[in-house]
Amino acid sequence: MIYSILTIIVCILLVLVILIQNSKGGGIQSQFGAATQIMGVKRGTEFIEKATWGLAITLIVLSVIMSPQGTGTTTSSDDAGSVTKRKAQTAVAVPQQQAAPPAQAPAPTGQAPAQGK
């Protein structure tokens, strides 16, 4: 549960960091003049780039951690499988009664039985 929340937060931050960047290379410096004076042009770009890589790597690590472990074709003796599989096994184990075939009604008197052509 905690990993799911962290993944959502990382995704939102990654989207925001990517949207801050300029595809032409201008980046955050072209949008905020005061930021270039405080941090410097090179430092602002480096910070955004490092934040993007860090968030991307964090997202990959969280995805690997959250992936189901041990999914294979082998089942343990404790695990009977899915609910559908268990229902199918119990349905096979319970003998079903054979219903007698329905009796055909005799043809009405005075009429010949219909023949298929």
C-alpha atoms as a PDB file:
ATOM      1  CA  MET A   1       0.000   0.000   0.000  1.00  0.00           C
ATOM      2  CA  ILE A   2       2.786   2.411   0.896  1.00  0.00           C
ATOM      3  CA  TYR A   3       4.583   1.615  -2.362  1.00  0.00           C
ATOM      4  CA  SER A   4       1.460   2.458  -4.355  1.00  0.00           C
ATOM      5  CA  ILE A   5       1.194   5.862  -2.700  1.00  0.00           C
ATOM      6  CA  LEU A   6       4.903   6.525  -3.267  1.00  0.00           C
ATOM      7  CA  THR A   7       4.562   5.537  -6.921  1.00  0.00           C
ATOM      8  CA  ILE A   8       1.679   7.966  -7.441  1.00  0.00           C
ATOM      9  CA  ILE A   9       3.625  10.799  -5.786  1.00  0.00           C
ATOM     10  CA  VAL A  10       6.742  10.056  -7.871  1.00  0.00           C
ATOM     11  CA  CYS A  11       4.653   9.987 -11.067  1.00  0.00           C
ATOM     12  CA  ILE A  12       3.067  13.347 -10.310  1.00  0.00           C
ATOM     13  CA  LEU A  13       6.445  14.906  -9.496  1.00  0.00           C
ATOM     14  CA  LEU A  14       7.993  13.425 -12.634  1.00  0.00           C
ATOM     15  CA  VAL A  15       5.232  14.891 -14.800  1.00  0.00           C
ATOM     16  CA  LEU A  16       5.677  18.304 -13.194  1.00  0.00           C
ATOM     17  CA  VAL A  17       9.466  18.239 -13.611  1.00  0.00           C
ATOM     18  CA  ILE A  18       9.147  17.223 -17.260  1.00  0.00           C
ATOM     19  CA  LEU A  19       6.610  19.976 -17.917  1.00  0.00           C
ATOM     20  CA  ILE A  20       8.995  22.566 -16.440  1.00  0.00           C
ATOM     21  CA  GLN A  21      11.660  21.656 -18.987  1.00  0.00           C
ATOM     22  CA  ASN A  22      11.736  23.302 -22.384  1.00  0.00           C
ATOM     23  CA  SER A  23      12.078  20.929 -25.311  1.00  0.00           C
ATOM     24  CA  LYS A  24      14.378  23.377 -27.106  1.00  0.00           C
ATOM     25  CA  GLY A  25      16.846  23.500 -24.211  1.00  0.00           C
ATOM     26  CA  GLY A  26      15.781  26.822 -22.678  1.00  0.00           C
ATOM     27  CA  GLY A  27      14.323  25.182 -19.623  1.00  0.00           C
ATOM     28  CA  ILE A  28      13.249  26.944 -16.491  1.00  0.00           C
ATOM     29  CA  GLN A  29      15.738  29.760 -16.972  1.00  0.00           C
ATOM     30  CA  SER A  30      13.843  31.260 -19.905  1.00  0.00           C
ATOM     31  CA  GLN A  31      10.601  31.339 -17.888  1.00  0.00           C
ATOM     32  CA  PHE A  32      11.901  32.816 -14.660  1.00  0.00           C
ATOM     33  CA  GLY A  33      14.483  35.570 -14.927  1.00  0.00           C
ATOM     34  CA  ALA A  34      15.001  35.795 -11.163  1.00  0.00           C
ATOM     35  CA  ALA A  35      15.793  32.082 -10.946  1.00  0.00           C
ATOM     36  CA  THR A  36      18.735  32.516 -13.300  1.00  0.00           C
ATOM     37  CA  GLN A  37      20.158  35.271 -11.139  1.00  0.00           C
ATOM     38  CA  ILE A  38      19.842  33.252  -7.930  1.00  0.00           C
ATOM     39  CA  MET A  39      20.848  29.753  -9.023  1.00  0.00           C
ATOM     40  CA  GLY A  40      22.648  30.506 -12.269  1.00  0.00           C
ATOM     41  CA  VAL A  41      21.700  29.139 -15.678  1.00  0.00           C
ATOM     42  CA  LYS A  42      23.864  26.030 -15.545  1.00  0.00           C
ATOM     43  CA  ARG A  43      22.895  25.079 -11.992  1.00  0.00           C
ATOM     44  CA  GLY A  44      19.156  25.360 -12.765  1.00  0.00           C
ATOM     45  CA  THR A  45      19.428  23.055 -15.760  1.00  0.00           C
ATOM     46  CA  GLU A  46      21.547  20.555 -13.839  1.00  0.00           C
ATOM     47  CA  PHE A  47      19.054  20.471 -10.971  1.00  0.00           C
ATOM     48  CA  ILE A  48      16.094  19.833 -13.277  1.00  0.00           C
ATOM     49  CA  GLU A  49      18.009  17.144 -15.178  1.00  0.00           C
ATOM     50  CA  LYS A  50      19.132  15.406 -11.975  1.00  0.00           C
ATOM     51  CA  ALA A  51      15.593  15.573 -10.589  1.00  0.00           C
ATOM     52  CA  THR A  52      14.218  13.991 -13.779  1.00  0.00           C
ATOM     53  CA  TRP A  53      16.739  11.133 -13.710  1.00  0.00           C
ATOM     54  CA  GLY A  54      16.277  10.601  -9.978  1.00  0.00           C
ATOM     55  CA  LEU A  55      12.500  10.429 -10.219  1.00  0.00           C
ATOM     56  CA  ALA A  56      12.678   8.123 -13.249  1.00  0.00           C
ATOM     57  CA  ILE A  57      15.033   5.719 -11.456  1.00  0.00           C
ATOM     58  CA  THR A  58      12.860   5.851  -8.330  1.00  0.00           C
ATOM     59  CA  LEU A  59       9.798   4.978 -10.433  1.00  0.00           C
ATOM     60  CA  ILE A  60      11.601   1.985 -11.967  1.00  0.00           C
ATOM     61  CA  VAL A  61      12.752   0.730  -8.557  1.00  0.00           C
ATOM     62  CA  LEU A  62       9.251   1.071  -7.103  1.00  0.00           C
ATOM     63  CA  SER A  63       7.820  -0.790 -10.087  1.00  0.00           C
ATOM     64  CA  VAL A  64      10.237  -3.668  -9.575  1.00  0.00           C
ATOM     65  CA  ILE A  65       9.478  -3.792  -5.852  1.00  0.00           C
ATOM     66  CA  MET A  66       5.722  -3.826  -6.498  1.00  0.00           C
ATOM     67  CA  SER A  67       5.877  -6.517  -9.177  1.00  0.00           C
ATOM     68  CA  PRO A  68       4.396  -9.841  -8.065  1.00  0.00           C
ATOM     69  CA  GLN A  69       7.050 -12.149  -6.733  1.00  0.00           C
ATOM     70  CA  GLY A  70       7.146 -15.837  -7.602  1.00  0.00           C
ATOM     71  CA  THR A  71       4.531 -15.883 -10.313  1.00  0.00           C
ATOM     72  CA  GLY A  72       4.989 -19.128 -12.134  1.00  0.00           C
ATOM     73  CA  THR A  73       3.212 -22.306 -13.042  1.00  0.00           C
ATOM     74  CA  THR A  74       4.074 -24.103  -9.833  1.00  0.00           C
ATOM     75  CA  THR A  75       1.557 -24.077  -7.011  1.00  0.00           C
ATOM     76  CA  SER A  76       2.180 -24.957  -3.423  1.00  0.00           C
ATOM     77  CA  SER A  77       0.195 -27.548  -1.551  1.00  0.00           C
ATOM     78  CA  ASP A  78      -1.411 -24.785   0.537  1.00  0.00           C
ATOM     79  CA  ASP A  79      -2.662 -22.940  -2.520  1.00  0.00           C
ATOM     80  CA  ALA A  80      -5.589 -24.580  -4.257  1.00  0.00           C
ATOM     81  CA  GLY A  81      -5.555 -22.017  -7.075  1.00  0.00           C
ATOM     82  CA  SER A  82      -8.137 -19.498  -8.031  1.00  0.00           C
ATOM     83  CA  VAL A  83     -11.726 -19.480  -6.876  1.00  0.00           C
ATOM     84  CA  THR A  84     -12.898 -20.540 -10.325  1.00  0.00           C
ATOM     85  CA  LYS A  85     -10.489 -23.471 -10.329  1.00  0.00           C
ATOM     86  CA  ARG A  86     -11.713 -24.620  -6.909  1.00  0.00           C
ATOM     87  CA  LYS A  87     -15.344 -24.401  -8.015  1.00  0.00           C
ATOM     88  CA  ALA A  88     -14.548 -26.441 -11.097  1.00  0.00           C
ATOM     89  CA  GLN A  89     -12.816 -29.097  -9.006  1.00  0.00           C
ATOM     90  CA  THR A  90     -15.738 -29.382  -6.579  1.00  0.00           C
ATOM     91  CA  ALA A  91     -18.199 -29.563  -9.466  1.00  0.00           C
ATOM     92  CA  VAL A  92     -16.284 -32.501 -10.951  1.00  0.00           C
ATOM     93  CA  ALA A  93     -16.018 -34.217  -7.571  1.00  0.00           C
ATOM     94  CA  VAL A  94     -19.780 -34.085  -6.927  1.00  0.00           C
ATOM     95  CA  PRO A  95     -21.494 -36.785  -9.015  1.00  0.00           C
ATOM     96  CA  GLN A  96     -24.278 -35.390 -11.127  1.00  0.00           C
ATOM     97  CA  GLN A  97     -27.491 -37.319 -11.608  1.00  0.00           C
ATOM     98  CA  GLN A  98     -28.245 -38.481 -15.113  1.00  0.00           C
ATOM     99  CA  ALA A  99     -31.611 -37.196 -16.222  1.00  0.00           C
ATOM    100  CA  ALA A 100     -33.777 -39.653 -18.174  1.00  0.00           C
ATOM    101  CA  PRO A 101     -34.301 -38.619 -21.779  1.00  0.00           C
ATOM    102  CA  PRO A 102     -37.710 -37.019 -22.304  1.00  0.00           C
ATOM    103  CA  ALA A 103     -40.334 -39.396 -23.635  1.00  0.00           C
ATOM    104  CA  GLN A 104     -41.778 -38.512 -27.006  1.00  0.00           C
ATOM    105  CA  ALA A 105     -45.479 -37.880 -27.072  1.00  0.00           C
ATOM    106  CA  PRO A 106     -47.431 -40.243 -29.328  1.00  0.00           C
ATOM    107  CA  ALA A 107     -48.766 -38.814 -32.551  1.00  0.00           C
ATOM    108  CA  PRO A 108     -52.459 -37.823 -32.401  1.00  0.00           C
ATOM    109  CA  THR A 109     -54.862 -40.439 -33.705  1.00  0.00           C
ATOM    110  CA  GLY A 110     -55.970 -40.107 -37.243  1.00  0.00           C
ATOM    111  CA  GLN A 111     -52.925 -38.157 -38.407  1.00  0.00           C
ATOM    112  CA  ALA A 112     -49.788 -39.589 -39.866  1.00  0.00           C
ATOM    113  CA  PRO A 113     -46.525 -38.651 -38.155  1.00  0.00           C
ATOM    114  CA  ALA A 114     -44.629 -35.857 -39.892  1.00  0.00           C
ATOM    115  CA  GLN A 115     -41.692 -36.997 -41.971  1.00  0.00           C
ATOM    116  CA  GLY A 116     -38.746 -34.761 -42.695  1.00  0.00           C
ATOM    117  CA  LYS A 117     -37.854 -34.291 -46.368  1.00  0.00           C
END
